[in-house]
Amino acid sequence: MYLRLGSHEIHIRVVLAVFGALAVVAVLIVVAVMVGGRSVDNGSETVEIPVVPSRFDWIDADDLVVEDELARGTEIRWIPFRPRKERWTESDVEEHWIDPRQIGIDVLETQVNDDIRLMLEDVP
């Protein structure tokens, strides 16, 4: 049985031998890294880090409590201007609704007018 690569035919035993050799090399690398890591851990050269008293000795690990993200995401973290409404009437919508397209047009119109004014300032 052969594996065809372009115009070359490679015997299947050669392909299996190459994959086997690669697997053996990978296992040897993993073992070497694991053994090397253990010898570093067992070394007698341990460095003692001196404990230096700091100005924050009054802070305990219990004081460093991580905020609950779920509760933070469901709480209202702002003060509402008006009472919250579940359903809006059509008159409420007409009173408070601003079309976002109109906001974009207003901003773009202001920028274009400013740019034209700057270009025309230099014209005699």
PDB file of N, CA and C in Angstrom:
ATOM      1  N   MET A   1       0.847  -1.158   0.000  1.00  0.00           N
ATOM      2  CA  MET A   1       0.000   0.000   0.000  1.00  0.00           C
ATOM      3  C   MET A   1       0.903   1.235   0.000  1.00  0.00           C
ATOM      4  N   TYR A   2       0.545   2.237  -0.794  1.00  0.00           N
ATOM      5  CA  TYR A   2       1.364   3.426  -0.964  1.00  0.00           C
ATOM      6  C   TYR A   2       0.530   4.678  -0.748  1.00  0.00           C
ATOM      7  N   LEU A   3       1.208   5.743  -0.328  1.00  0.00           N
ATOM      8  CA  LEU A   3       0.594   7.059  -0.204  1.00  0.00           C
ATOM      9  C   LEU A   3       1.152   7.902  -1.340  1.00  0.00           C
ATOM     10  N   ARG A   4       0.279   8.466  -2.146  1.00  0.00           N
ATOM     11  CA  ARG A   4       0.712   9.208  -3.317  1.00  0.00           C
ATOM     12  C   ARG A   4       0.773  10.694  -2.978  1.00  0.00           C
ATOM     13  N   LEU A   5       1.951  11.298  -3.125  1.00  0.00           N
ATOM     14  CA  LEU A   5       2.161  12.729  -2.956  1.00  0.00           C
ATOM     15  C   LEU A   5       2.679  13.275  -4.272  1.00  0.00           C
ATOM     16  N   GLY A   6       1.808  13.869  -5.026  1.00  0.00           N
ATOM     17  CA  GLY A   6       2.185  14.362  -6.343  1.00  0.00           C
ATOM     18  C   GLY A   6       2.577  13.203  -7.234  1.00  0.00           C
ATOM     19  N   SER A   7       3.808  13.219  -7.742  1.00  0.00           N
ATOM     20  CA  SER A   7       4.270  12.128  -8.595  1.00  0.00           C
ATOM     21  C   SER A   7       5.028  11.073  -7.801  1.00  0.00           C
ATOM     22  N   HIS A   8       5.174  11.266  -6.480  1.00  0.00           N
ATOM     23  CA  HIS A   8       5.916  10.332  -5.638  1.00  0.00           C
ATOM     24  C   HIS A   8       4.952   9.383  -4.932  1.00  0.00           C
ATOM     25  N   GLU A   9       5.405   8.156  -4.796  1.00  0.00           N
ATOM     26  CA  GLU A   9       4.650   7.174  -4.036  1.00  0.00           C
ATOM     27  C   GLU A   9       5.475   6.782  -2.819  1.00  0.00           C
ATOM     28  N   ILE A  10       4.891   6.986  -1.624  1.00  0.00           N
ATOM     29  CA  ILE A  10       5.594   6.675  -0.382  1.00  0.00           C
ATOM     30  C   ILE A  10       4.899   5.481   0.241  1.00  0.00           C
ATOM     31  N   HIS A  11       5.692   4.494   0.646  1.00  0.00           N
ATOM     32  CA  HIS A  11       5.138   3.283   1.244  1.00  0.00           C
ATOM     33  C   HIS A  11       4.504   3.647   2.581  1.00  0.00           C
ATOM     34  N   ILE A  12       3.402   2.999   2.903  1.00  0.00           N
ATOM     35  CA  ILE A  12       2.650   3.311   4.121  1.00  0.00           C
ATOM     36  C   ILE A  12       3.476   3.031   5.373  1.00  0.00           C
ATOM     37  N   ARG A  13       4.414   2.071   5.295  1.00  0.00           N
ATOM     38  CA  ARG A  13       5.269   1.772   6.446  1.00  0.00           C
ATOM     39  C   ARG A  13       6.177   2.955   6.781  1.00  0.00           C
ATOM     40  N   VAL A  14       6.644   3.668   5.757  1.00  0.00           N
ATOM     41  CA  VAL A  14       7.495   4.839   5.977  1.00  0.00           C
ATOM     42  C   VAL A  14       6.696   5.954   6.647  1.00  0.00           C
ATOM     43  N   VAL A  15       5.471   6.136   6.199  1.00  0.00           N
ATOM     44  CA  VAL A  15       4.608   7.169   6.792  1.00  0.00           C
ATOM     45  C   VAL A  15       4.347   6.848   8.257  1.00  0.00           C
ATOM     46  N   LEU A  16       4.025   5.598   8.563  1.00  0.00           N
ATOM     47  CA  LEU A  16       3.768   5.196   9.946  1.00  0.00           C
ATOM     48  C   LEU A  16       5.033   5.338  10.796  1.00  0.00           C
ATOM     49  N   ALA A  17       6.192   5.025  10.223  1.00  0.00           N
ATOM     50  CA  ALA A  17       7.444   5.161  10.960  1.00  0.00           C
ATOM     51  C   ALA A  17       7.729   6.623  11.299  1.00  0.00           C
ATOM     52  N   VAL A  18       7.453   7.532  10.371  1.00  0.00           N
ATOM     53  CA  VAL A  18       7.682   8.956  10.609  1.00  0.00           C
ATOM     54  C   VAL A  18       6.744   9.461  11.716  1.00  0.00           C
ATOM     55  N   PHE A  19       5.450   9.089  11.638  1.00  0.00           N
ATOM     56  CA  PHE A  19       4.510   9.510  12.683  1.00  0.00           C
ATOM     57  C   PHE A  19       4.879   8.904  14.035  1.00  0.00           C
ATOM     58  N   GLY A  20       5.339   7.664  14.040  1.00  0.00           N
ATOM     59  CA  GLY A  20       5.775   7.036  15.288  1.00  0.00           C
ATOM     60  C   GLY A  20       6.970   7.747  15.888  1.00  0.00           C
ATOM     61  N   ALA A  21       7.927   8.111  15.044  1.00  0.00           N
ATOM     62  CA  ALA A  21       9.118   8.812  15.528  1.00  0.00           C
ATOM     63  C   ALA A  21       8.742  10.181  16.102  1.00  0.00           C
ATOM     64  N   LEU A  22       7.826  10.878  15.444  1.00  0.00           N
ATOM     65  CA  LEU A  22       7.375  12.167  15.958  1.00  0.00           C
ATOM     66  C   LEU A  22       6.683  12.011  17.310  1.00  0.00           C
ATOM     67  N   ALA A  23       5.891  10.963  17.462  1.00  0.00           N
ATOM     68  CA  ALA A  23       5.210  10.718  18.735  1.00  0.00           C
ATOM     69  C   ALA A  23       6.220  10.429  19.838  1.00  0.00           C
ATOM     70  N   VAL A  24       7.249   9.638  19.540  1.00  0.00           N
ATOM     71  CA  VAL A  24       8.276   9.328  20.537  1.00  0.00           C
ATOM     72  C   VAL A  24       9.020  10.592  20.946  1.00  0.00           C
ATOM     73  N   VAL A  25       9.371  11.444  19.992  1.00  0.00           N
ATOM     74  CA  VAL A  25      10.065  12.696  20.290  1.00  0.00           C
ATOM     75  C   VAL A  25       9.186  13.592  21.165  1.00  0.00           C
ATOM     76  N   ALA A  26       7.888  13.662  20.870  1.00  0.00           N
ATOM     77  CA  ALA A  26       6.989  14.483  21.672  1.00  0.00           C
ATOM     78  C   ALA A  26       6.908  13.970  23.100  1.00  0.00           C
ATOM     79  N   VAL A  27       6.824  12.654  23.278  1.00  0.00           N
ATOM     80  CA  VAL A  27       6.771  12.071  24.624  1.00  0.00           C
ATOM     81  C   VAL A  27       8.069  12.350  25.368  1.00  0.00           C
ATOM     82  N   LEU A  28       9.216  12.236  24.705  1.00  0.00           N
ATOM     83  CA  LEU A  28      10.496  12.509  25.353  1.00  0.00           C
ATOM     84  C   LEU A  28      10.616  13.970  25.790  1.00  0.00           C
ATOM     85  N   ILE A  29      10.115  14.879  24.985  1.00  0.00           N
ATOM     86  CA  ILE A  29      10.151  16.293  25.353  1.00  0.00           C
ATOM     87  C   ILE A  29       9.289  16.548  26.584  1.00  0.00           C
ATOM     88  N   VAL A  30       8.087  15.967  26.613  1.00  0.00           N
ATOM     89  CA  VAL A  30       7.197  16.144  27.767  1.00  0.00           C
ATOM     90  C   VAL A  30       7.834  15.580  29.028  1.00  0.00           C
ATOM     91  N   VAL A  31       8.421  14.405  28.938  1.00  0.00           N
ATOM     92  CA  VAL A  31       9.062  13.788  30.098  1.00  0.00           C
ATOM     93  C   VAL A  31      10.247  14.639  30.563  1.00  0.00           C
ATOM     94  N   ALA A  32      11.048  15.141  29.642  1.00  0.00           N
ATOM     95  CA  ALA A  32      12.204  15.962  30.014  1.00  0.00           C
ATOM     96  C   ALA A  32      11.769  17.237  30.731  1.00  0.00           C
ATOM     97  N   VAL A  33      10.704  17.843  30.274  1.00  0.00           N
ATOM     98  CA  VAL A  33      10.212  19.065  30.916  1.00  0.00           C
ATOM     99  C   VAL A  33       9.677  18.754  32.305  1.00  0.00           C
ATOM    100  N   MET A  34       8.953  17.650  32.449  1.00  0.00           N
ATOM    101  CA  MET A  34       8.401  17.290  33.757  1.00  0.00           C
ATOM    102  C   MET A  34       9.510  16.958  34.748  1.00  0.00           C
ATOM    103  N   VAL A  35      10.522  16.209  34.326  1.00  0.00           N
ATOM    104  CA  VAL A  35      11.618  15.847  35.219  1.00  0.00           C
ATOM    105  C   VAL A  35      12.430  17.086  35.570  1.00  0.00           C
ATOM    106  N   GLY A  36      12.662  17.951  34.614  1.00  0.00           N
ATOM    107  CA  GLY A  36      13.405  19.180  34.873  1.00  0.00           C
ATOM    108  C   GLY A  36      12.669  20.076  35.859  1.00  0.00           C
ATOM    109  N   GLY A  37      11.371  20.150  35.771  1.00  0.00           N
ATOM    110  CA  GLY A  37      10.588  20.957  36.706  1.00  0.00           C
ATOM    111  C   GLY A  37      10.646  20.403  38.108  1.00  0.00           C
ATOM    112  N   ARG A  38      10.651  19.090  38.255  1.00  0.00           N
ATOM    113  CA  ARG A  38      10.723  18.489  39.591  1.00  0.00           C
ATOM    114  C   ARG A  38      12.069  18.745  40.229  1.00  0.00           C
ATOM    115  N   SER A  39      13.132  18.701  39.450  1.00  0.00           N
ATOM    116  CA  SER A  39      14.453  18.920  40.049  1.00  0.00           C
ATOM    117  C   SER A  39      14.595  20.359  40.517  1.00  0.00           C
ATOM    118  N   VAL A  40      13.953  21.292  39.866  1.00  0.00           N
ATOM    119  CA  VAL A  40      13.998  22.682  40.310  1.00  0.00           C
ATOM    120  C   VAL A  40      13.202  22.836  41.594  1.00  0.00           C
ATOM    121  N   ASP A  41      12.062  22.145  41.700  1.00  0.00           N
ATOM    122  CA  ASP A  41      11.241  22.241  42.901  1.00  0.00           C
ATOM    123  C   ASP A  41      11.934  21.637  44.115  1.00  0.00           C
ATOM    124  N   ASN A  42      12.745  20.613  43.922  1.00  0.00           N
ATOM    125  CA  ASN A  42      13.388  19.925  45.034  1.00  0.00           C
ATOM    126  C   ASN A  42      14.726  20.542  45.417  1.00  0.00           C
ATOM    127  N   GLY A  43      15.108  21.601  44.780  1.00  0.00           N
ATOM    128  CA  GLY A  43      16.412  22.199  45.040  1.00  0.00           C
ATOM    129  C   GLY A  43      16.504  22.734  46.459  1.00  0.00           C
ATOM    130  N   SER A  44      17.718  22.774  46.984  1.00  0.00           N
ATOM    131  CA  SER A  44      17.930  23.240  48.354  1.00  0.00           C
ATOM    132  C   SER A  44      18.112  24.750  48.408  1.00  0.00           C
ATOM    133  N   GLU A  45      18.161  25.394  47.276  1.00  0.00           N
ATOM    134  CA  GLU A  45      18.364  26.834  47.238  1.00  0.00           C
ATOM    135  C   GLU A  45      17.024  27.552  47.250  1.00  0.00           C
ATOM    136  N   THR A  46      16.411  27.599  48.408  1.00  0.00           N
ATOM    137  CA  THR A  46      15.155  28.323  48.533  1.00  0.00           C
ATOM    138  C   THR A  46      15.448  29.702  49.067  1.00  0.00           C
ATOM    139  N   VAL A  47      14.749  30.669  48.551  1.00  0.00           N
ATOM    140  CA  VAL A  47      14.969  32.051  48.948  1.00  0.00           C
ATOM    141  C   VAL A  47      13.861  32.443  49.917  1.00  0.00           C
ATOM    142  N   GLU A  48      14.263  32.896  51.071  1.00  0.00           N
ATOM    143  CA  GLU A  48      13.299  33.375  52.055  1.00  0.00           C
ATOM    144  C   GLU A  48      13.024  34.853  51.791  1.00  0.00           C
ATOM    145  N   ILE A  49      11.767  35.201  51.624  1.00  0.00           N
ATOM    146  CA  ILE A  49      11.393  36.589  51.411  1.00  0.00           C
ATOM    147  C   ILE A  49      11.086  37.194  52.773  1.00  0.00           C
ATOM    148  N   PRO A  50      11.828  38.209  53.155  1.00  0.00           N
ATOM    149  CA  PRO A  50      11.587  38.783  54.480  1.00  0.00           C
ATOM    150  C   PRO A  50      10.235  39.494  54.534  1.00  0.00           C
ATOM    151  N   VAL A  51       9.576  39.383  55.669  1.00  0.00           N
ATOM    152  CA  VAL A  51       8.293  40.049  55.862  1.00  0.00           C
ATOM    153  C   VAL A  51       8.568  41.431  56.409  1.00  0.00           C
ATOM    154  N   VAL A  52       8.207  42.422  55.623  1.00  0.00           N
ATOM    155  CA  VAL A  52       8.436  43.806  56.010  1.00  0.00           C
ATOM    156  C   VAL A  52       7.113  44.395  56.450  1.00  0.00           C
ATOM    157  N   PRO A  53       7.045  44.921  57.657  1.00  0.00           N
ATOM    158  CA  PRO A  53       5.784  45.519  58.090  1.00  0.00           C
ATOM    159  C   PRO A  53       5.475  46.737  57.215  1.00  0.00           C
ATOM    160  N   SER A  54       4.242  46.836  56.832  1.00  0.00           N
ATOM    161  CA  SER A  54       3.857  47.942  55.962  1.00  0.00           C
ATOM    162  C   SER A  54       2.832  48.806  56.669  1.00  0.00           C
ATOM    163  N   ARG A  55       2.460  49.862  56.019  1.00  0.00           N
ATOM    164  CA  ARG A  55       1.473  50.760  56.615  1.00  0.00           C
ATOM    165  C   ARG A  55       0.058  50.232  56.458  1.00  0.00           C
ATOM    166  N   PHE A  56      -0.111  49.105  55.726  1.00  0.00           N
ATOM    167  CA  PHE A  56      -1.439  48.534  55.524  1.00  0.00           C
ATOM    168  C   PHE A  56      -1.632  47.256  56.328  1.00  0.00           C
ATOM    169  N   ASP A  57      -1.036  47.173  57.508  1.00  0.00           N
ATOM    170  CA  ASP A  57      -1.200  45.979  58.331  1.00  0.00           C
ATOM    171  C   ASP A  57      -2.625  45.803  58.817  1.00  0.00           C
ATOM    172  N   TRP A  58      -3.418  46.845  58.815  1.00  0.00           N
ATOM    173  CA  TRP A  58      -4.778  46.767  59.317  1.00  0.00           C
ATOM    174  C   TRP A  58      -5.735  46.129  58.303  1.00  0.00           C
ATOM    175  N   ILE A  59      -5.274  45.863  57.085  1.00  0.00           N
ATOM    176  CA  ILE A  59      -6.117  45.227  56.074  1.00  0.00           C
ATOM    177  C   ILE A  59      -5.937  43.719  56.165  1.00  0.00           C
ATOM    178  N   ASP A  60      -7.041  42.995  56.312  1.00  0.00           N
ATOM    179  CA  ASP A  60      -7.019  41.533  56.333  1.00  0.00           C
ATOM    180  C   ASP A  60      -7.471  41.008  54.980  1.00  0.00           C
ATOM    181  N   ALA A  61      -7.354  39.706  54.824  1.00  0.00           N
ATOM    182  CA  ALA A  61      -7.865  39.069  53.610  1.00  0.00           C
ATOM    183  C   ALA A  61      -9.391  39.143  53.577  1.00  0.00           C
ATOM    184  N   ASP A  62     -10.025  39.197  54.753  1.00  0.00           N
ATOM    185  CA  ASP A  62     -11.486  39.301  54.791  1.00  0.00           C
ATOM    186  C   ASP A  62     -11.968  40.654  54.301  1.00  0.00           C
ATOM    187  N   ASP A  63     -11.106  41.663  54.362  1.00  0.00           N
ATOM    188  CA  ASP A  63     -11.495  42.989  53.899  1.00  0.00           C
ATOM    189  C   ASP A  63     -11.493  43.088  52.378  1.00  0.00           C
ATOM    190  N   LEU A  64     -10.785  42.200  51.741  1.00  0.00           N
ATOM    191  CA  LEU A  64     -10.681  42.228  50.277  1.00  0.00           C
ATOM    192  C   LEU A  64     -11.720  41.299  49.672  1.00  0.00           C
ATOM    193  N   VAL A  65     -12.959  41.704  49.718  1.00  0.00           N
ATOM    194  CA  VAL A  65     -14.062  40.895  49.220  1.00  0.00           C
ATOM    195  C   VAL A  65     -14.376  41.346  47.803  1.00  0.00           C
ATOM    196  N   VAL A  66     -14.457  40.399  46.898  1.00  0.00           N
ATOM    197  CA  VAL A  66     -14.769  40.707  45.510  1.00  0.00           C
ATOM    198  C   VAL A  66     -16.275  40.898  45.380  1.00  0.00           C
ATOM    199  N   GLU A  67     -16.645  41.936  44.680  1.00  0.00           N
ATOM    200  CA  GLU A  67     -18.051  42.251  44.500  1.00  0.00           C
ATOM    201  C   GLU A  67     -18.733  41.183  43.650  1.00  0.00           C
ATOM    202  N   ASP A  68     -19.953  40.851  44.006  1.00  0.00           N
ATOM    203  CA  ASP A  68     -20.726  39.867  43.258  1.00  0.00           C
ATOM    204  C   ASP A  68     -21.157  40.495  41.935  1.00  0.00           C
ATOM    205  N   GLU A  69     -20.635  39.971  40.825  1.00  0.00           N
ATOM    206  CA  GLU A  69     -20.915  40.569  39.520  1.00  0.00           C
ATOM    207  C   GLU A  69     -22.367  40.417  39.109  1.00  0.00           C
ATOM    208  N   LEU A  70     -22.995  39.318  39.511  1.00  0.00           N
ATOM    209  CA  LEU A  70     -24.394  39.127  39.153  1.00  0.00           C
ATOM    210  C   LEU A  70     -25.259  40.176  39.827  1.00  0.00           C
ATOM    211  N   ALA A  71     -25.008  40.428  41.104  1.00  0.00           N
ATOM    212  CA  ALA A  71     -25.781  41.446  41.813  1.00  0.00           C
ATOM    213  C   ALA A  71     -25.493  42.825  41.233  1.00  0.00           C
ATOM    214  N   ARG A  72     -24.245  43.075  40.869  1.00  0.00           N
ATOM    215  CA  ARG A  72     -23.886  44.372  40.308  1.00  0.00           C
ATOM    216  C   ARG A  72     -24.592  44.609  38.976  1.00  0.00           C
ATOM    217  N   GLY A  73     -24.749  43.546  38.202  1.00  0.00           N
ATOM    218  CA  GLY A  73     -25.388  43.712  36.897  1.00  0.00           C
ATOM    219  C   GLY A  73     -26.885  43.898  36.980  1.00  0.00           C
ATOM    220  N   THR A  74     -27.511  43.501  38.076  1.00  0.00           N
ATOM    221  CA  THR A  74     -28.959  43.608  38.177  1.00  0.00           C
ATOM    222  C   THR A  74     -29.405  44.789  39.022  1.00  0.00           C
ATOM    223  N   GLU A  75     -28.487  45.449  39.729  1.00  0.00           N
ATOM    224  CA  GLU A  75     -28.851  46.605  40.534  1.00  0.00           C
ATOM    225  C   GLU A  75     -28.923  47.848  39.668  1.00  0.00           C
ATOM    226  N   ILE A  76     -29.761  48.777  40.069  1.00  0.00           N
ATOM    227  CA  ILE A  76     -29.782  50.080  39.415  1.00  0.00           C
ATOM    228  C   ILE A  76     -28.721  50.921  40.093  1.00  0.00           C
ATOM    229  N   ARG A  77     -27.722  51.346  39.344  1.00  0.00           N
ATOM    230  CA  ARG A  77     -26.613  52.094  39.924  1.00  0.00           C
ATOM    231  C   ARG A  77     -26.719  53.578  39.609  1.00  0.00           C
ATOM    232  N   TRP A  78     -27.907  54.050  39.327  1.00  0.00           N
ATOM    233  CA  TRP A  78     -28.117  55.453  39.045  1.00  0.00           C
ATOM    234  C   TRP A  78     -29.429  55.865  39.697  1.00  0.00           C
ATOM    235  N   ILE A  79     -29.597  57.130  39.897  1.00  0.00           N
ATOM    236  CA  ILE A  79     -30.815  57.636  40.524  1.00  0.00           C
ATOM    237  C   ILE A  79     -31.753  58.069  39.406  1.00  0.00           C
ATOM    238  N   PRO A  80     -32.923  57.451  39.324  1.00  0.00           N
ATOM    239  CA  PRO A  80     -33.838  57.805  38.237  1.00  0.00           C
ATOM    240  C   PRO A  80     -34.405  59.212  38.410  1.00  0.00           C
ATOM    241  N   PHE A  81     -34.615  59.885  37.287  1.00  0.00           N
ATOM    242  CA  PHE A  81     -35.168  61.230  37.284  1.00  0.00           C
ATOM    243  C   PHE A  81     -36.671  61.195  37.531  1.00  0.00           C
ATOM    244  N   ARG A  82     -37.312  60.146  37.107  1.00  0.00           N
ATOM    245  CA  ARG A  82     -38.756  59.999  37.235  1.00  0.00           C
ATOM    246  C   ARG A  82     -39.057  58.572  37.653  1.00  0.00           C
ATOM    247  N   PRO A  83     -40.254  58.302  38.113  1.00  0.00           N
ATOM    248  CA  PRO A  83     -40.591  56.916  38.469  1.00  0.00           C
ATOM    249  C   PRO A  83     -40.540  56.020  37.232  1.00  0.00           C
ATOM    250  N   ARG A  84     -40.120  54.799  37.437  1.00  0.00           N
ATOM    251  CA  ARG A  84     -39.990  53.845  36.342  1.00  0.00           C
ATOM    252  C   ARG A  84     -41.373  53.406  35.864  1.00  0.00           C
ATOM    253  N   LYS A  85     -41.547  53.355  34.539  1.00  0.00           N
ATOM    254  CA  LYS A  85     -42.827  52.947  33.954  1.00  0.00           C
ATOM    255  C   LYS A  85     -42.649  51.605  33.265  1.00  0.00           C
ATOM    256  N   GLU A  86     -43.608  50.728  33.467  1.00  0.00           N
ATOM    257  CA  GLU A  86     -43.581  49.444  32.763  1.00  0.00           C
ATOM    258  C   GLU A  86     -44.075  49.611  31.329  1.00  0.00           C
ATOM    259  N   ARG A  87     -45.112  50.411  31.137  1.00  0.00           N
ATOM    260  CA  ARG A  87     -45.658  50.645  29.795  1.00  0.00           C
ATOM    261  C   ARG A  87     -45.775  52.139  29.564  1.00  0.00           C
ATOM    262  N   TRP A  88     -45.396  52.554  28.375  1.00  0.00           N
ATOM    263  CA  TRP A  88     -45.441  53.959  28.027  1.00  0.00           C
ATOM    264  C   TRP A  88     -46.661  54.225  27.152  1.00  0.00           C
ATOM    265  N   THR A  89     -47.276  55.367  27.376  1.00  0.00           N
ATOM    266  CA  THR A  89     -48.384  55.766  26.503  1.00  0.00           C
ATOM    267  C   THR A  89     -47.789  56.462  25.279  1.00  0.00           C
ATOM    268  N   GLU A  90     -48.614  56.647  24.287  1.00  0.00           N
ATOM    269  CA  GLU A  90     -48.130  57.280  23.058  1.00  0.00           C
ATOM    270  C   GLU A  90     -47.748  58.731  23.299  1.00  0.00           C
ATOM    271  N   SER A  91     -48.479  59.404  24.180  1.00  0.00           N
ATOM    272  CA  SER A  91     -48.143  60.809  24.477  1.00  0.00           C
ATOM    273  C   SER A  91     -46.801  60.906  25.215  1.00  0.00           C
ATOM    274  N   ASP A  92     -46.505  59.922  26.106  1.00  0.00           N
ATOM    275  CA  ASP A  92     -45.206  59.916  26.786  1.00  0.00           C
ATOM    276  C   ASP A  92     -44.068  59.721  25.794  1.00  0.00           C
ATOM    277  N   VAL A  93     -44.283  58.827  24.844  1.00  0.00           N
ATOM    278  CA  VAL A  93     -43.251  58.564  23.840  1.00  0.00           C
ATOM    279  C   VAL A  93     -43.020  59.807  23.001  1.00  0.00           C
ATOM    280  N   GLU A  94     -44.097  60.475  22.582  1.00  0.00           N
ATOM    281  CA  GLU A  94     -43.939  61.676  21.766  1.00  0.00           C
ATOM    282  C   GLU A  94     -43.229  62.782  22.527  1.00  0.00           C
ATOM    283  N   GLU A  95     -43.433  62.839  23.854  1.00  0.00           N
ATOM    284  CA  GLU A  95     -42.812  63.883  24.661  1.00  0.00           C
ATOM    285  C   GLU A  95     -41.311  63.641  24.848  1.00  0.00           C
ATOM    286  N   HIS A  96     -40.892  62.390  25.034  1.00  0.00           N
ATOM    287  CA  HIS A  96     -39.510  62.097  25.394  1.00  0.00           C
ATOM    288  C   HIS A  96     -38.668  61.504  24.266  1.00  0.00           C
ATOM    289  N   TRP A  97     -39.263  61.065  23.177  1.00  0.00           N
ATOM    290  CA  TRP A  97     -38.522  60.369  22.132  1.00  0.00           C
ATOM    291  C   TRP A  97     -37.736  61.350  21.289  1.00  0.00           C
ATOM    292  N   ILE A  98     -36.469  61.023  21.081  1.00  0.00           N
ATOM    293  CA  ILE A  98     -35.613  61.763  20.155  1.00  0.00           C
ATOM    294  C   ILE A  98     -35.103  60.749  19.147  1.00  0.00           C
ATOM    295  N   ASP A  99     -35.341  61.031  17.885  1.00  0.00           N
ATOM    296  CA  ASP A  99     -34.916  60.106  16.833  1.00  0.00           C
ATOM    297  C   ASP A  99     -33.393  60.105  16.751  1.00  0.00           C
ATOM    298  N   PRO A 100     -32.750  58.946  16.935  1.00  0.00           N
ATOM    299  CA  PRO A 100     -31.281  58.921  16.888  1.00  0.00           C
ATOM    300  C   PRO A 100     -30.723  59.355  15.544  1.00  0.00           C
ATOM    301  N   ARG A 101     -31.478  59.145  14.478  1.00  0.00           N
ATOM    302  CA  ARG A 101     -30.994  59.601  13.171  1.00  0.00           C
ATOM    303  C   ARG A 101     -30.884  61.121  13.132  1.00  0.00           C
ATOM    304  N   GLN A 102     -31.829  61.806  13.789  1.00  0.00           N
ATOM    305  CA  GLN A 102     -31.795  63.264  13.804  1.00  0.00           C
ATOM    306  C   GLN A 102     -30.600  63.784  14.599  1.00  0.00           C
ATOM    307  N   ILE A 103     -30.244  63.078  15.691  1.00  0.00           N
ATOM    308  CA  ILE A 103     -29.071  63.470  16.468  1.00  0.00           C
ATOM    309  C   ILE A 103     -27.824  63.363  15.604  1.00  0.00           C
ATOM    310  N   GLY A 104     -27.701  62.269  14.846  1.00  0.00           N
ATOM    311  CA  GLY A 104     -26.551  62.101  13.963  1.00  0.00           C
ATOM    312  C   GLY A 104     -26.499  63.163  12.892  1.00  0.00           C
ATOM    313  N   ILE A 105     -27.654  63.528  12.351  1.00  0.00           N
ATOM    314  CA  ILE A 105     -27.705  64.567  11.318  1.00  0.00           C
ATOM    315  C   ILE A 105     -27.288  65.911  11.900  1.00  0.00           C
ATOM    316  N   ASP A 106     -27.754  66.218  13.118  1.00  0.00           N
ATOM    317  CA  ASP A 106     -27.396  67.497  13.748  1.00  0.00           C
ATOM    318  C   ASP A 106     -25.888  67.580  13.997  1.00  0.00           C
ATOM    319  N   VAL A 107     -25.296  66.490  14.502  1.00  0.00           N
ATOM    320  CA  VAL A 107     -23.862  66.486  14.779  1.00  0.00           C
ATOM    321  C   VAL A 107     -23.076  66.608  13.478  1.00  0.00           C
ATOM    322  N   LEU A 108     -23.476  65.868  12.462  1.00  0.00           N
ATOM    323  CA  LEU A 108     -22.790  65.931  11.178  1.00  0.00           C
ATOM    324  C   LEU A 108     -22.923  67.309  10.546  1.00  0.00           C
ATOM    325  N   GLU A 109     -24.100  67.906  10.657  1.00  0.00           N
ATOM    326  CA  GLU A 109     -24.313  69.235  10.088  1.00  0.00           C
ATOM    327  C   GLU A 109     -23.421  70.273  10.788  1.00  0.00           C
ATOM    328  N   THR A 110     -23.288  70.167  12.094  1.00  0.00           N
ATOM    329  CA  THR A 110     -22.427  71.086  12.839  1.00  0.00           C
ATOM    330  C   THR A 110     -20.975  70.923  12.410  1.00  0.00           C
ATOM    331  N   GLN A 111     -20.515  69.676  12.269  1.00  0.00           N
ATOM    332  CA  GLN A 111     -19.132  69.437  11.859  1.00  0.00           C
ATOM    333  C   GLN A 111     -18.867  69.966  10.452  1.00  0.00           C
ATOM    334  N   VAL A 112     -19.791  69.736   9.546  1.00  0.00           N
ATOM    335  CA  VAL A 112     -19.617  70.198   8.163  1.00  0.00           C
ATOM    336  C   VAL A 112     -19.594  71.723   8.115  1.00  0.00           C
ATOM    337  N   ASN A 113     -20.492  72.365   8.857  1.00  0.00           N
ATOM    338  CA  ASN A 113     -20.512  73.829   8.874  1.00  0.00           C
ATOM    339  C   ASN A 113     -19.216  74.387   9.448  1.00  0.00           C
ATOM    340  N   ASP A 114     -18.698  73.784  10.504  1.00  0.00           N
ATOM    341  CA  ASP A 114     -17.433  74.231  11.086  1.00  0.00           C
ATOM    342  C   ASP A 114     -16.281  74.048  10.096  1.00  0.00           C
ATOM    343  N   ASP A 115     -16.263  72.913   9.391  1.00  0.00           N
ATOM    344  CA  ASP A 115     -15.203  72.670   8.404  1.00  0.00           C
ATOM    345  C   ASP A 115     -15.271  73.681   7.261  1.00  0.00           C
ATOM    346  N   ILE A 116     -16.474  73.983   6.781  1.00  0.00           N
ATOM    347  CA  ILE A 116     -16.630  74.951   5.680  1.00  0.00           C
ATOM    348  C   ILE A 116     -16.206  76.339   6.150  1.00  0.00           C
ATOM    349  N   ARG A 117     -16.586  76.693   7.372  1.00  0.00           N
ATOM    350  CA  ARG A 117     -16.211  78.002   7.921  1.00  0.00           C
ATOM    351  C   ARG A 117     -14.686  78.121   8.006  1.00  0.00           C
ATOM    352  N   LEU A 118     -14.002  77.051   8.440  1.00  0.00           N
ATOM    353  CA  LEU A 118     -12.533  77.098   8.527  1.00  0.00           C
ATOM    354  C   LEU A 118     -11.880  77.204   7.155  1.00  0.00           C
ATOM    355  N   MET A 119     -12.453  76.522   6.163  1.00  0.00           N
ATOM    356  CA  MET A 119     -11.874  76.603   4.809  1.00  0.00           C
ATOM    357  C   MET A 119     -12.082  77.981   4.201  1.00  0.00           C
ATOM    358  N   LEU A 120     -13.226  78.621   4.473  1.00  0.00           N
ATOM    359  CA  LEU A 120     -13.534  79.889   3.847  1.00  0.00           C
ATOM    360  C   LEU A 120     -12.886  81.069   4.574  1.00  0.00           C
ATOM    361  N   GLU A 121     -12.364  80.857   5.792  1.00  0.00           N
ATOM    362  CA  GLU A 121     -11.717  81.951   6.499  1.00  0.00           C
ATOM    363  C   GLU A 121     -10.466  82.436   5.778  1.00  0.00           C
ATOM    364  N   ASP A 122      -9.770  81.541   5.107  1.00  0.00           N
ATOM    365  CA  ASP A 122      -8.532  81.904   4.423  1.00  0.00           C
ATOM    366  C   ASP A 122      -8.765  82.495   3.041  1.00  0.00           C
ATOM    367  N   VAL A 123      -9.988  82.445   2.552  1.00  0.00           N
ATOM    368  CA  VAL A 123     -10.276  82.959   1.217  1.00  0.00           C
ATOM    369  C   VAL A 123     -10.437  84.479   1.309  1.00  0.00           C
ATOM    370  N   PRO A 124      -9.718  85.244   0.447  1.00  0.00           N
ATOM    371  CA  PRO A 124      -9.833  86.715   0.524  1.00  0.00           C
ATOM    372  C   PRO A 124     -11.151  87.219  -0.030  1.00  0.00           C
TER     373      PRO A 124
END
